[in-house]
Structures are given as structure tokens and as C-alpha cells.
Amino acid sequence: MSGKNTADGKSENYLASLKRRGKESHVYRRYQMTGLMLSEILHDSAHKALYIKLAKEHNEEKLLRLAKDIAEKKNVRNKGAYFMRVWFDGEKNSAHHQ
């Protein structure tokens, strides 16, 4: 015997199941998927929530187009930071022209 009773074995399985499910993505809205796509394109999974918020508040097509352009640049080390800089510089400039 392994020294564990069935209750402990069940609780360990349940905890493992919860941990596994917590790592799975739960996407309910289009902007959530767009945000996750942005984080993948830019290799910046640490900031998924930020990209989801951007996708919710801004034009998804423009965000994706910019992310893809930046992802193709070989000389950019931190694509996520560069993306944010370019995006908000563009937003600032477009606000001045209105």
C-alpha cells in the first residue's frame, strides 16, 4: 500500500484537477481572444490582461496589425514594450489631430 487512504487520494486528485483547469484559458468574448493573440504574437504572456484590456477598448484589427508588424522586426528585443510605445505614441498623435 502507498500509505494514503482513499480520501487523501481523492483530495489530491481534485487539487491536481483544479490546478490543471486553472491553467486553461477561459475565453468568453472576442476581445479576450484578441488580447490572448496579441500576447502570443508579441511573446509577452506575462501581460495577457493588459492586452485583453487594450482589445476591449480599442480597434482589434489595428492592434493585431501593429503586433504582427512588430513581431516581424528582428532587431526588437522586448516586442511587448515596443508595441506599447508605438501604440500609445500613435494614440497621442491621433488625439492631437482631432
C-alpha atoms as a PDB file:
ATOM      1  CA  MET A   1       0.000   0.000   0.000  1.00  0.00           C
ATOM      2  CA  SER A   2       1.053   3.568  -0.585  1.00  0.00           C
ATOM      3  CA  GLY A   3       0.175   4.693   2.942  1.00  0.00           C
ATOM      4  CA  LYS A   4      -2.614   7.030   1.708  1.00  0.00           C
ATOM      5  CA  ASN A   5      -6.245   6.435   2.409  1.00  0.00           C
ATOM      6  CA  THR A   6      -8.827   6.945  -0.323  1.00  0.00           C
ATOM      7  CA  ALA A   7      -9.981  10.334   0.975  1.00  0.00           C
ATOM      8  CA  ASP A   8      -6.447  11.768   0.706  1.00  0.00           C
ATOM      9  CA  GLY A   9      -6.056  10.303  -2.770  1.00  0.00           C
ATOM     10  CA  LYS A  10      -9.321  11.871  -3.893  1.00  0.00           C
ATOM     11  CA  SER A  11      -8.433  15.273  -2.482  1.00  0.00           C
ATOM     12  CA  GLU A  12      -5.013  15.175  -4.162  1.00  0.00           C
ATOM     13  CA  ASN A  13      -6.647  14.283  -7.482  1.00  0.00           C
ATOM     14  CA  TYR A  14      -9.159  17.081  -7.030  1.00  0.00           C
ATOM     15  CA  LEU A  15      -6.434  19.621  -6.253  1.00  0.00           C
ATOM     16  CA  ALA A  16      -4.441  18.483  -9.268  1.00  0.00           C
ATOM     17  CA  SER A  17      -7.571  18.824 -11.404  1.00  0.00           C
ATOM     18  CA  LEU A  18      -8.189  22.366 -10.142  1.00  0.00           C
ATOM     19  CA  LYS A  19      -4.588  23.329 -10.825  1.00  0.00           C
ATOM     20  CA  ARG A  20      -4.774  21.952 -14.371  1.00  0.00           C
ATOM     21  CA  ARG A  21      -8.084  23.704 -15.090  1.00  0.00           C
ATOM     22  CA  GLY A  22      -6.721  26.977 -13.741  1.00  0.00           C
ATOM     23  CA  LYS A  23      -4.025  26.961 -16.418  1.00  0.00           C
ATOM     24  CA  GLU A  24      -6.561  26.507 -19.198  1.00  0.00           C
ATOM     25  CA  SER A  25      -7.845  29.590 -20.956  1.00  0.00           C
ATOM     26  CA  HIS A  26     -11.456  30.663 -20.467  1.00  0.00           C
ATOM     27  CA  VAL A  27     -12.409  32.911 -23.372  1.00  0.00           C
ATOM     28  CA  TYR A  28     -15.961  34.213 -23.496  1.00  0.00           C
ATOM     29  CA  ARG A  29     -15.681  37.332 -25.645  1.00  0.00           C
ATOM     30  CA  ARG A  30     -13.944  38.195 -28.906  1.00  0.00           C
ATOM     31  CA  TYR A  31     -11.760  40.870 -27.310  1.00  0.00           C
ATOM     32  CA  GLN A  32     -10.444  38.279 -24.842  1.00  0.00           C
ATOM     33  CA  MET A  33      -9.277  36.092 -27.712  1.00  0.00           C
ATOM     34  CA  THR A  34      -7.737  39.103 -29.423  1.00  0.00           C
ATOM     35  CA  GLY A  35      -5.844  40.019 -26.259  1.00  0.00           C
ATOM     36  CA  LEU A  36      -4.509  36.485 -25.929  1.00  0.00           C
ATOM     37  CA  MET A  37      -3.483  36.522 -29.584  1.00  0.00           C
ATOM     38  CA  LEU A  38      -1.613  39.796 -29.015  1.00  0.00           C
ATOM     39  CA  SER A  39       0.292  38.314 -26.077  1.00  0.00           C
ATOM     40  CA  GLU A  40       1.239  35.268 -28.180  1.00  0.00           C
ATOM     41  CA  ILE A  41       2.283  37.315 -31.206  1.00  0.00           C
ATOM     42  CA  LEU A  42       4.469  39.547 -29.036  1.00  0.00           C
ATOM     43  CA  HIS A  43       5.769  36.678 -26.857  1.00  0.00           C
ATOM     44  CA  ASP A  44       4.568  38.507 -23.756  1.00  0.00           C
ATOM     45  CA  SER A  45       2.365  36.113 -21.795  1.00  0.00           C
ATOM     46  CA  ALA A  46       3.059  37.977 -18.544  1.00  0.00           C
ATOM     47  CA  HIS A  47       0.841  40.845 -19.716  1.00  0.00           C
ATOM     48  CA  LYS A  48      -2.203  38.971 -21.067  1.00  0.00           C
ATOM     49  CA  ALA A  49      -4.651  41.035 -19.005  1.00  0.00           C
ATOM     50  CA  LEU A  50      -3.203  44.277 -20.374  1.00  0.00           C
ATOM     51  CA  TYR A  51      -3.634  43.121 -23.973  1.00  0.00           C
ATOM     52  CA  ILE A  52      -7.193  41.952 -23.252  1.00  0.00           C
ATOM     53  CA  LYS A  53      -7.996  45.404 -21.835  1.00  0.00           C
ATOM     54  CA  LEU A  54      -6.495  47.085 -24.907  1.00  0.00           C
ATOM     55  CA  ALA A  55      -8.526  44.844 -27.209  1.00  0.00           C
ATOM     56  CA  LYS A  56     -11.687  45.675 -25.286  1.00  0.00           C
ATOM     57  CA  GLU A  57     -11.139  49.430 -25.534  1.00  0.00           C
ATOM     58  CA  HIS A  58      -9.504  49.836 -28.962  1.00  0.00           C
ATOM     59  CA  ASN A  59      -9.788  48.682 -32.554  1.00  0.00           C
ATOM     60  CA  GLU A  60      -8.834  44.992 -32.595  1.00  0.00           C
ATOM     61  CA  GLU A  61      -7.768  44.977 -36.234  1.00  0.00           C
ATOM     62  CA  LYS A  62      -5.358  47.882 -35.727  1.00  0.00           C
ATOM     63  CA  LEU A  63      -3.907  46.244 -32.609  1.00  0.00           C
ATOM     64  CA  LEU A  64      -3.335  42.932 -34.409  1.00  0.00           C
ATOM     65  CA  ARG A  65      -1.852  44.626 -37.469  1.00  0.00           C
ATOM     66  CA  LEU A  66       0.621  46.572 -35.326  1.00  0.00           C
ATOM     67  CA  ALA A  67       1.539  43.499 -33.261  1.00  0.00           C
ATOM     68  CA  LYS A  68       2.236  41.467 -36.403  1.00  0.00           C
ATOM     69  CA  ASP A  69       4.385  44.250 -37.853  1.00  0.00           C
ATOM     70  CA  ILE A  70       6.401  44.474 -34.644  1.00  0.00           C
ATOM     71  CA  ALA A  71       6.730  40.688 -34.352  1.00  0.00           C
ATOM     72  CA  GLU A  72       8.445  40.637 -37.753  1.00  0.00           C
ATOM     73  CA  LYS A  73      11.133  43.079 -36.616  1.00  0.00           C
ATOM     74  CA  LYS A  74      14.249  41.083 -35.770  1.00  0.00           C
ATOM     75  CA  ASN A  75      16.124  43.873 -34.005  1.00  0.00           C
ATOM     76  CA  VAL A  76      13.490  44.476 -31.278  1.00  0.00           C
ATOM     77  CA  ARG A  77      14.320  42.612 -28.062  1.00  0.00           C
ATOM     78  CA  ASN A  78      11.237  43.453 -25.998  1.00  0.00           C
ATOM     79  CA  LYS A  79       8.421  43.365 -28.516  1.00  0.00           C
ATOM     80  CA  GLY A  80       5.718  43.935 -25.888  1.00  0.00           C
ATOM     81  CA  ALA A  81       7.289  47.152 -24.604  1.00  0.00           C
ATOM     82  CA  TYR A  82       7.952  48.377 -28.136  1.00  0.00           C
ATOM     83  CA  PHE A  83       4.349  47.618 -29.096  1.00  0.00           C
ATOM     84  CA  MET A  84       3.045  49.664 -26.150  1.00  0.00           C
ATOM     85  CA  ARG A  85       5.330  52.579 -27.001  1.00  0.00           C
ATOM     86  CA  VAL A  86       4.298  52.645 -30.650  1.00  0.00           C
ATOM     87  CA  TRP A  87       0.608  52.166 -29.829  1.00  0.00           C
ATOM     88  CA  PHE A  88       0.393  54.948 -27.262  1.00  0.00           C
ATOM     89  CA  ASP A  89       2.571  57.328 -29.298  1.00  0.00           C
ATOM     90  CA  GLY A  90       0.127  56.786 -32.166  1.00  0.00           C
ATOM     91  CA  GLU A  91      -2.864  57.299 -29.882  1.00  0.00           C
ATOM     92  CA  LYS A  92      -1.357  60.515 -28.503  1.00  0.00           C
ATOM     93  CA  ASN A  93      -0.710  61.839 -32.014  1.00  0.00           C
ATOM     94  CA  SER A  94      -4.204  60.975 -33.244  1.00  0.00           C
ATOM     95  CA  ALA A  95      -5.760  62.729 -30.225  1.00  0.00           C
ATOM     96  CA  HIS A  96      -3.878  65.938 -31.094  1.00  0.00           C
ATOM     97  CA  HIS A  97      -5.192  65.874 -34.677  1.00  0.00           C
ATOM     98  CA  GLN A  98      -8.860  65.700 -33.680  1.00  0.00           C
END
